[in-house]
Amino acid sequence: MSLSKVAFITGASQGIGAAIALKLASEGFDLAINCYSQAEADKGGNEVAKSCRQFGVKAECFIADVSDFEAVGRMVQEIKEAMGSIDVVVNNAGITDDGLVARMKEDQFDRVIAVNLKGAFNVCRHVSGVMIKQRSGKIINVSSIAGLWGNPGQANYSASKAGLIGLTYTLAKELGARNISVNAIAPGFIESAMTEALPDRVKTTALGAIPLGRFGKVEEVAAVVSFLASEDASYINGQVISIDGGMMI
């Protein structure tokens, strides 16, 4: 059993999730890195774990589709047995499947809700028992400015991220008495493969709406998560922190 605190991050094979894993590893956390499939682990998750281990911590990949309630339960048990505890959870796993409501298919809506919102519920449901027994823990949900303000063409994604905020508020009230804090972050436009693929006109419009005049970096998102995972944030509970360069002020 490790004496280090353990951080469990869903969807951590790339992008923001990978940056969070590396940041927390640099802070001395052991890492449980969730990947959707073995192929995803082979493609990126195992490399993230390897990079985390360079900080002298323990890091392993755990395979499960977060939208599968029973699979998440098995994964949480595997993490507990392998790592000894689960001290921090970052619900980062998420997908998009954009389209206007007038044309959106039912399965487009259902799948995004299943992964982004129900997936976070599944994780919280199974992890909360571990944290209640420990009488300590921190849960950090990765929402989005789309969940705060909506975004045309993303009814499913916006609804899932807004739902995460409601889940955060409720869990903060339910679990606070057990010394478990629950907070959320709401990133805006962050440099990634997704934003790189946006048409130039979309990027130009977005940049014009950001007072800082640039997109954020994954490392800047990871830094906020690192703070929320630290003892310095021990009295912060039930909050949503926007990381958007001032886009929504």
C-alpha atoms as a PDB file:
ATOM      1  CA  MET A   1       0.000   0.000   0.000  1.00  0.00           C
ATOM      2  CA  SER A   2       1.334   3.415  -0.982  1.00  0.00           C
ATOM      3  CA  LEU A   3       1.747   6.150   1.620  1.00  0.00           C
ATOM      4  CA  SER A   4       1.157   8.790  -1.081  1.00  0.00           C
ATOM      5  CA  LYS A   5      -2.266  10.212  -1.767  1.00  0.00           C
ATOM      6  CA  VAL A   6      -4.001   8.701  -4.770  1.00  0.00           C
ATOM      7  CA  ALA A   7      -5.669  10.672  -7.557  1.00  0.00           C
ATOM      8  CA  PHE A   8      -8.099   8.908  -9.888  1.00  0.00           C
ATOM      9  CA  ILE A   9      -8.657  10.707 -13.202  1.00  0.00           C
ATOM     10  CA  THR A  10     -11.129   9.611 -15.851  1.00  0.00           C
ATOM     11  CA  GLY A  11     -10.392  10.175 -19.526  1.00  0.00           C
ATOM     12  CA  ALA A  12      -6.721  10.879 -18.811  1.00  0.00           C
ATOM     13  CA  SER A  13      -5.033   9.472 -21.915  1.00  0.00           C
ATOM     14  CA  GLN A  14      -4.668  12.856 -23.618  1.00  0.00           C
ATOM     15  CA  GLY A  15      -5.436  16.570 -23.503  1.00  0.00           C
ATOM     16  CA  ILE A  16      -6.649  18.123 -20.268  1.00  0.00           C
ATOM     17  CA  GLY A  17      -6.830  14.786 -18.458  1.00  0.00           C
ATOM     18  CA  ALA A  18      -3.220  13.939 -19.276  1.00  0.00           C
ATOM     19  CA  ALA A  19      -2.075  17.405 -18.184  1.00  0.00           C
ATOM     20  CA  ILE A  20      -3.916  16.993 -14.876  1.00  0.00           C
ATOM     21  CA  ALA A  21      -2.304  13.594 -14.331  1.00  0.00           C
ATOM     22  CA  LEU A  22       1.181  14.977 -14.930  1.00  0.00           C
ATOM     23  CA  LYS A  23       0.588  17.986 -12.692  1.00  0.00           C
ATOM     24  CA  LEU A  24      -0.686  15.877  -9.807  1.00  0.00           C
ATOM     25  CA  ALA A  25       2.191  13.409 -10.276  1.00  0.00           C
ATOM     26  CA  SER A  26       4.598  16.336  -9.982  1.00  0.00           C
ATOM     27  CA  GLU A  27       2.867  17.180  -6.675  1.00  0.00           C
ATOM     28  CA  GLY A  28       3.519  13.655  -5.354  1.00  0.00           C
ATOM     29  CA  PHE A  29       0.173  11.968  -6.022  1.00  0.00           C
ATOM     30  CA  ASP A  30       0.021   8.360  -7.137  1.00  0.00           C
ATOM     31  CA  LEU A  31      -2.147   8.152 -10.258  1.00  0.00           C
ATOM     32  CA  ALA A  32      -4.989   5.880 -11.318  1.00  0.00           C
ATOM     33  CA  ILE A  33      -5.494   6.741 -14.981  1.00  0.00           C
ATOM     34  CA  ASN A  34      -8.791   5.663 -16.496  1.00  0.00           C
ATOM     35  CA  CYS A  35      -8.993   4.791 -20.184  1.00  0.00           C
ATOM     36  CA  TYR A  36     -12.114   3.826 -22.106  1.00  0.00           C
ATOM     37  CA  SER A  37     -10.487   0.781 -23.724  1.00  0.00           C
ATOM     38  CA  GLN A  38      -7.207  -1.096 -23.977  1.00  0.00           C
ATOM     39  CA  ALA A  39      -6.697   0.525 -27.377  1.00  0.00           C
ATOM     40  CA  GLU A  40      -6.953   3.957 -25.750  1.00  0.00           C
ATOM     41  CA  ALA A  41      -4.465   2.911 -23.100  1.00  0.00           C
ATOM     42  CA  ASP A  42      -2.075   1.673 -25.773  1.00  0.00           C
ATOM     43  CA  LYS A  43      -2.554   4.860 -27.780  1.00  0.00           C
ATOM     44  CA  GLY A  44      -1.921   7.321 -24.967  1.00  0.00           C
ATOM     45  CA  GLY A  45      -2.779   6.183 -21.445  1.00  0.00           C
ATOM     46  CA  ASN A  46       0.246   3.975 -20.906  1.00  0.00           C
ATOM     47  CA  GLU A  47       2.546   6.763 -22.073  1.00  0.00           C
ATOM     48  CA  VAL A  48       0.898   9.197 -19.655  1.00  0.00           C
ATOM     49  CA  ALA A  49       1.394   6.693 -16.835  1.00  0.00           C
ATOM     50  CA  LYS A  50       5.044   6.262 -17.829  1.00  0.00           C
ATOM     51  CA  SER A  51       5.557  10.035 -17.779  1.00  0.00           C
ATOM     52  CA  CYS A  52       3.914  10.253 -14.349  1.00  0.00           C
ATOM     53  CA  ARG A  53       6.235   7.575 -12.972  1.00  0.00           C
ATOM     54  CA  GLN A  54       9.207   9.766 -13.872  1.00  0.00           C
ATOM     55  CA  PHE A  55       8.202  11.894 -10.865  1.00  0.00           C
ATOM     56  CA  GLY A  56       8.817   8.871  -8.632  1.00  0.00           C
ATOM     57  CA  VAL A  57       5.164   8.070  -8.039  1.00  0.00           C
ATOM     58  CA  LYS A  58       3.062   5.039  -8.793  1.00  0.00           C
ATOM     59  CA  ALA A  59       0.875   5.290 -11.908  1.00  0.00           C
ATOM     60  CA  GLU A  60      -1.298   2.666 -13.577  1.00  0.00           C
ATOM     61  CA  CYS A  61      -4.007   2.556 -16.230  1.00  0.00           C
ATOM     62  CA  PHE A  62      -7.439   1.139 -15.427  1.00  0.00           C
ATOM     63  CA  ILE A  63      -9.853   0.233 -18.220  1.00  0.00           C
ATOM     64  CA  ALA A  64     -13.590   0.963 -18.062  1.00  0.00           C
ATOM     65  CA  ASP A  65     -16.338   2.757 -19.961  1.00  0.00           C
ATOM     66  CA  VAL A  66     -17.490   5.295 -17.367  1.00  0.00           C
ATOM     67  CA  SER A  67     -21.056   5.117 -18.714  1.00  0.00           C
ATOM     68  CA  ASP A  68     -21.236   1.457 -17.558  1.00  0.00           C
ATOM     69  CA  PHE A  69     -22.295   1.474 -13.887  1.00  0.00           C
ATOM     70  CA  GLU A  70     -21.106  -2.044 -13.097  1.00  0.00           C
ATOM     71  CA  ALA A  71     -17.808  -1.610 -14.955  1.00  0.00           C
ATOM     72  CA  VAL A  72     -17.077   1.538 -12.949  1.00  0.00           C
ATOM     73  CA  GLY A  73     -17.794  -0.327  -9.734  1.00  0.00           C
ATOM     74  CA  ARG A  74     -15.280  -3.013 -10.671  1.00  0.00           C
ATOM     75  CA  MET A  75     -12.713  -0.398 -11.676  1.00  0.00           C
ATOM     76  CA  VAL A  76     -13.039   1.484  -8.377  1.00  0.00           C
ATOM     77  CA  GLN A  77     -12.516  -1.771  -6.487  1.00  0.00           C
ATOM     78  CA  GLU A  78      -9.440  -2.544  -8.596  1.00  0.00           C
ATOM     79  CA  ILE A  79      -8.021   0.915  -7.893  1.00  0.00           C
ATOM     80  CA  LYS A  80      -8.657   0.577  -4.159  1.00  0.00           C
ATOM     81  CA  GLU A  81      -6.925  -2.801  -4.074  1.00  0.00           C
ATOM     82  CA  ALA A  82      -3.977  -1.696  -6.219  1.00  0.00           C
ATOM     83  CA  MET A  83      -3.436   1.771  -4.766  1.00  0.00           C
ATOM     84  CA  GLY A  84      -4.724   1.467  -1.211  1.00  0.00           C
ATOM     85  CA  SER A  85      -6.979   4.531  -1.223  1.00  0.00           C
ATOM     86  CA  ILE A  86      -8.710   7.051  -3.465  1.00  0.00           C
ATOM     87  CA  ASP A  87      -8.161  10.568  -2.158  1.00  0.00           C
ATOM     88  CA  VAL A  88      -8.906  12.737  -5.192  1.00  0.00           C
ATOM     89  CA  VAL A  89     -11.254  12.066  -8.096  1.00  0.00           C
ATOM     90  CA  VAL A  90     -11.276  14.137 -11.277  1.00  0.00           C
ATOM     91  CA  ASN A  91     -14.280  13.441 -13.501  1.00  0.00           C
ATOM     92  CA  ASN A  92     -12.740  14.517 -16.790  1.00  0.00           C
ATOM     93  CA  ALA A  93     -14.025  11.915 -19.278  1.00  0.00           C
ATOM     94  CA  GLY A  94     -16.200  13.505 -21.924  1.00  0.00           C
ATOM     95  CA  ILE A  95     -17.257  13.346 -25.546  1.00  0.00           C
ATOM     96  CA  THR A  96     -18.977  15.592 -28.077  1.00  0.00           C
ATOM     97  CA  ASP A  97     -21.390  14.743 -30.871  1.00  0.00           C
ATOM     98  CA  ASP A  98     -22.575  18.122 -32.090  1.00  0.00           C
ATOM     99  CA  GLY A  99     -25.664  19.052 -34.054  1.00  0.00           C
ATOM    100  CA  LEU A 100     -28.618  21.412 -34.002  1.00  0.00           C
ATOM    101  CA  VAL A 101     -31.560  20.181 -31.930  1.00  0.00           C
ATOM    102  CA  ALA A 102     -33.820  20.156 -35.011  1.00  0.00           C
ATOM    103  CA  ARG A 103     -31.557  17.525 -36.587  1.00  0.00           C
ATOM    104  CA  MET A 104     -30.061  15.779 -33.561  1.00  0.00           C
ATOM    105  CA  LYS A 105     -30.686  12.042 -33.355  1.00  0.00           C
ATOM    106  CA  GLU A 106     -31.775  10.465 -30.109  1.00  0.00           C
ATOM    107  CA  ASP A 107     -28.642   8.368 -29.780  1.00  0.00           C
ATOM    108  CA  GLN A 108     -26.468  11.492 -30.227  1.00  0.00           C
ATOM    109  CA  PHE A 109     -28.098  13.025 -27.188  1.00  0.00           C
ATOM    110  CA  ASP A 110     -28.174   9.846 -25.141  1.00  0.00           C
ATOM    111  CA  ARG A 111     -24.528   8.903 -25.632  1.00  0.00           C
ATOM    112  CA  VAL A 112     -23.163  12.329 -24.672  1.00  0.00           C
ATOM    113  CA  ILE A 113     -25.340  12.421 -21.549  1.00  0.00           C
ATOM    114  CA  ALA A 114     -24.351   8.824 -20.725  1.00  0.00           C
ATOM    115  CA  VAL A 115     -20.617   9.522 -20.821  1.00  0.00           C
ATOM    116  CA  ASN A 116     -20.390  13.113 -19.602  1.00  0.00           C
ATOM    117  CA  LEU A 117     -23.073  13.164 -16.913  1.00  0.00           C
ATOM    118  CA  LYS A 118     -24.055   9.616 -15.986  1.00  0.00           C
ATOM    119  CA  GLY A 119     -20.378   8.649 -16.182  1.00  0.00           C
ATOM    120  CA  ALA A 120     -19.570  11.203 -13.498  1.00  0.00           C
ATOM    121  CA  PHE A 121     -22.500   9.984 -11.392  1.00  0.00           C
ATOM    122  CA  ASN A 122     -21.292   6.392 -11.741  1.00  0.00           C
ATOM    123  CA  VAL A 123     -17.824   7.344 -10.534  1.00  0.00           C
ATOM    124  CA  CYS A 124     -19.112   9.479  -7.662  1.00  0.00           C
ATOM    125  CA  ARG A 125     -21.578   6.793  -6.617  1.00  0.00           C
ATOM    126  CA  HIS A 126     -18.876   4.130  -6.294  1.00  0.00           C
ATOM    127  CA  VAL A 127     -16.069   6.352  -5.005  1.00  0.00           C
ATOM    128  CA  SER A 128     -18.193   8.064  -2.358  1.00  0.00           C
ATOM    129  CA  GLY A 129     -18.320   4.839  -0.317  1.00  0.00           C
ATOM    130  CA  VAL A 130     -14.524   4.668  -0.259  1.00  0.00           C
ATOM    131  CA  MET A 131     -14.216   8.327   0.739  1.00  0.00           C
ATOM    132  CA  ILE A 132     -16.932   8.100   3.404  1.00  0.00           C
ATOM    133  CA  LYS A 133     -15.057   5.241   5.068  1.00  0.00           C
ATOM    134  CA  GLN A 134     -11.857   7.306   4.915  1.00  0.00           C
ATOM    135  CA  ARG A 135     -13.771  10.378   6.115  1.00  0.00           C
ATOM    136  CA  SER A 136     -11.843  12.418   3.571  1.00  0.00           C
ATOM    137  CA  GLY A 137     -11.706  13.087  -0.140  1.00  0.00           C
ATOM    138  CA  LYS A 138     -11.919  15.613  -2.914  1.00  0.00           C
ATOM    139  CA  ILE A 139     -14.070  15.318  -6.035  1.00  0.00           C
ATOM    140  CA  ILE A 140     -13.442  17.688  -8.945  1.00  0.00           C
ATOM    141  CA  ASN A 141     -15.854  17.660 -11.875  1.00  0.00           C
ATOM    142  CA  VAL A 142     -14.757  19.022 -15.241  1.00  0.00           C
ATOM    143  CA  SER A 143     -17.698  21.010 -16.585  1.00  0.00           C
ATOM    144  CA  SER A 144     -17.469  23.711 -19.282  1.00  0.00           C
ATOM    145  CA  ILE A 145     -18.532  27.257 -20.007  1.00  0.00           C
ATOM    146  CA  ALA A 146     -21.031  25.544 -22.333  1.00  0.00           C
ATOM    147  CA  GLY A 147     -22.700  24.248 -19.173  1.00  0.00           C
ATOM    148  CA  LEU A 148     -22.958  27.749 -17.766  1.00  0.00           C
ATOM    149  CA  TRP A 149     -24.042  29.667 -20.861  1.00  0.00           C
ATOM    150  CA  GLY A 150     -25.051  27.131 -23.512  1.00  0.00           C
ATOM    151  CA  ASN A 151     -23.621  26.856 -27.010  1.00  0.00           C
ATOM    152  CA  PRO A 152     -25.542  26.587 -30.308  1.00  0.00           C
ATOM    153  CA  GLY A 153     -25.129  23.148 -31.854  1.00  0.00           C
ATOM    154  CA  GLN A 154     -24.228  21.547 -28.542  1.00  0.00           C
ATOM    155  CA  ALA A 155     -27.515  20.959 -26.750  1.00  0.00           C
ATOM    156  CA  ASN A 156     -26.397  17.509 -25.608  1.00  0.00           C
ATOM    157  CA  TYR A 157     -22.938  18.643 -24.481  1.00  0.00           C
ATOM    158  CA  SER A 158     -24.223  21.810 -22.799  1.00  0.00           C
ATOM    159  CA  ALA A 159     -26.941  19.867 -20.986  1.00  0.00           C
ATOM    160  CA  SER A 160     -24.434  17.286 -19.770  1.00  0.00           C
ATOM    161  CA  LYS A 161     -22.050  19.944 -18.479  1.00  0.00           C
ATOM    162  CA  ALA A 162     -24.857  21.912 -16.830  1.00  0.00           C
ATOM    163  CA  GLY A 163     -25.975  18.676 -15.199  1.00  0.00           C
ATOM    164  CA  LEU A 164     -22.461  18.217 -13.820  1.00  0.00           C
ATOM    165  CA  ILE A 165     -22.774  21.559 -12.072  1.00  0.00           C
ATOM    166  CA  GLY A 166     -26.049  20.509 -10.448  1.00  0.00           C
ATOM    167  CA  LEU A 167     -24.437  17.215  -9.426  1.00  0.00           C
ATOM    168  CA  THR A 168     -21.523  19.157  -7.925  1.00  0.00           C
ATOM    169  CA  TYR A 169     -23.782  21.400  -5.842  1.00  0.00           C
ATOM    170  CA  THR A 170     -25.817  18.478  -4.508  1.00  0.00           C
ATOM    171  CA  LEU A 171     -22.845  16.247  -3.672  1.00  0.00           C
ATOM    172  CA  ALA A 172     -21.111  19.160  -1.942  1.00  0.00           C
ATOM    173  CA  LYS A 173     -24.096  19.344   0.416  1.00  0.00           C
ATOM    174  CA  GLU A 174     -24.459  15.583   0.833  1.00  0.00           C
ATOM    175  CA  LEU A 175     -20.790  14.754   1.423  1.00  0.00           C
ATOM    176  CA  GLY A 176     -19.435  17.871   3.120  1.00  0.00           C
ATOM    177  CA  ALA A 177     -20.200  16.557   6.609  1.00  0.00           C
ATOM    178  CA  ARG A 178     -17.938  13.573   5.852  1.00  0.00           C
ATOM    179  CA  ASN A 179     -14.964  15.863   5.114  1.00  0.00           C
ATOM    180  CA  ILE A 180     -15.396  15.368   1.357  1.00  0.00           C
ATOM    181  CA  SER A 181     -15.360  18.481  -0.813  1.00  0.00           C
ATOM    182  CA  VAL A 182     -16.913  18.589  -4.272  1.00  0.00           C
ATOM    183  CA  ASN A 183     -16.106  21.348  -6.748  1.00  0.00           C
ATOM    184  CA  ALA A 184     -16.195  21.905 -10.491  1.00  0.00           C
ATOM    185  CA  ILE A 185     -14.162  23.751 -13.079  1.00  0.00           C
ATOM    186  CA  ALA A 186     -15.564  25.238 -16.265  1.00  0.00           C
ATOM    187  CA  PRO A 187     -12.878  25.601 -18.953  1.00  0.00           C
ATOM    188  CA  GLY A 188     -13.452  27.819 -21.957  1.00  0.00           C
ATOM    189  CA  PHE A 189     -11.450  27.607 -25.173  1.00  0.00           C
ATOM    190  CA  ILE A 190      -8.352  25.579 -24.347  1.00  0.00           C
ATOM    191  CA  GLU A 191      -5.589  24.785 -26.842  1.00  0.00           C
ATOM    192  CA  SER A 192      -6.142  21.198 -27.981  1.00  0.00           C
ATOM    193  CA  ALA A 193      -6.595  19.051 -31.053  1.00  0.00           C
ATOM    194  CA  MET A 194     -10.276  19.993 -30.936  1.00  0.00           C
ATOM    195  CA  THR A 195      -9.701  23.762 -30.986  1.00  0.00           C
ATOM    196  CA  GLU A 196      -6.918  23.412 -33.562  1.00  0.00           C
ATOM    197  CA  ALA A 197      -9.418  21.783 -35.920  1.00  0.00           C
ATOM    198  CA  LEU A 198     -11.872  24.689 -35.673  1.00  0.00           C
ATOM    199  CA  PRO A 199     -12.297  26.848 -38.799  1.00  0.00           C
ATOM    200  CA  ASP A 200     -10.242  30.041 -38.735  1.00  0.00           C
ATOM    201  CA  ARG A 201     -13.368  32.209 -38.645  1.00  0.00           C
ATOM    202  CA  VAL A 202     -14.599  30.416 -35.519  1.00  0.00           C
ATOM    203  CA  LYS A 203     -11.233  30.808 -33.802  1.00  0.00           C
ATOM    204  CA  THR A 204     -11.076  34.480 -34.731  1.00  0.00           C
ATOM    205  CA  THR A 205     -14.565  35.106 -33.341  1.00  0.00           C
ATOM    206  CA  ALA A 206     -13.756  33.232 -30.142  1.00  0.00           C
ATOM    207  CA  LEU A 207     -10.495  35.094 -29.608  1.00  0.00           C
ATOM    208  CA  GLY A 208     -12.316  38.396 -30.073  1.00  0.00           C
ATOM    209  CA  ALA A 209     -14.604  37.501 -27.167  1.00  0.00           C
ATOM    210  CA  ILE A 210     -11.766  36.667 -24.753  1.00  0.00           C
ATOM    211  CA  PRO A 211     -10.383  39.709 -22.902  1.00  0.00           C
ATOM    212  CA  LEU A 212      -6.978  38.021 -22.484  1.00  0.00           C
ATOM    213  CA  GLY A 213      -6.840  37.606 -26.264  1.00  0.00           C
ATOM    214  CA  ARG A 214      -5.730  33.982 -26.364  1.00  0.00           C
ATOM    215  CA  PHE A 215      -6.891  30.424 -25.774  1.00  0.00           C
ATOM    216  CA  GLY A 216      -5.965  28.762 -22.497  1.00  0.00           C
ATOM    217  CA  LYS A 217      -3.389  26.028 -22.068  1.00  0.00           C
ATOM    218  CA  VAL A 218      -4.071  22.572 -20.654  1.00  0.00           C
ATOM    219  CA  GLU A 219      -1.413  23.261 -18.029  1.00  0.00           C
ATOM    220  CA  GLU A 220      -3.425  26.246 -16.792  1.00  0.00           C
ATOM    221  CA  VAL A 221      -6.465  24.028 -16.299  1.00  0.00           C
ATOM    222  CA  ALA A 222      -4.317  21.432 -14.533  1.00  0.00           C
ATOM    223  CA  ALA A 223      -2.978  24.103 -12.165  1.00  0.00           C
ATOM    224  CA  VAL A 224      -6.498  24.940 -10.951  1.00  0.00           C
ATOM    225  CA  VAL A 225      -7.261  21.246 -10.420  1.00  0.00           C
ATOM    226  CA  SER A 226      -3.997  20.887  -8.506  1.00  0.00           C
ATOM    227  CA  PHE A 227      -5.039  23.733  -6.211  1.00  0.00           C
ATOM    228  CA  LEU A 228      -8.481  22.217  -5.592  1.00  0.00           C
ATOM    229  CA  ALA A 229      -6.824  18.869  -4.833  1.00  0.00           C
ATOM    230  CA  SER A 230      -4.483  20.459  -2.292  1.00  0.00           C
ATOM    231  CA  GLU A 231      -4.924  21.199   1.406  1.00  0.00           C
ATOM    232  CA  ASP A 232      -4.839  24.896   0.512  1.00  0.00           C
ATOM    233  CA  ALA A 233      -8.382  24.420  -0.849  1.00  0.00           C
ATOM    234  CA  SER A 234      -9.656  22.563   2.210  1.00  0.00           C
ATOM    235  CA  TYR A 235     -12.460  25.106   2.859  1.00  0.00           C
ATOM    236  CA  ILE A 236     -13.622  25.381  -0.755  1.00  0.00           C
ATOM    237  CA  ASN A 237     -16.748  23.325  -1.417  1.00  0.00           C
ATOM    238  CA  GLY A 238     -19.594  23.485  -3.922  1.00  0.00           C
ATOM    239  CA  GLN A 239     -17.904  26.007  -6.207  1.00  0.00           C
ATOM    240  CA  VAL A 240     -17.595  26.303  -9.998  1.00  0.00           C
ATOM    241  CA  ILE A 241     -14.399  27.982 -11.185  1.00  0.00           C
ATOM    242  CA  SER A 242     -14.402  29.289 -14.751  1.00  0.00           C
ATOM    243  CA  ILE A 243     -11.113  29.080 -16.650  1.00  0.00           C
ATOM    244  CA  ASP A 244     -11.976  31.110 -19.735  1.00  0.00           C
ATOM    245  CA  GLY A 245      -9.742  34.185 -19.885  1.00  0.00           C
ATOM    246  CA  GLY A 246     -12.692  36.363 -18.948  1.00  0.00           C
ATOM    247  CA  MET A 247     -14.824  35.263 -21.890  1.00  0.00           C
ATOM    248  CA  MET A 248     -18.048  35.163 -19.909  1.00  0.00           C
ATOM    249  CA  ILE A 249     -17.750  38.306 -17.793  1.00  0.00           C
END
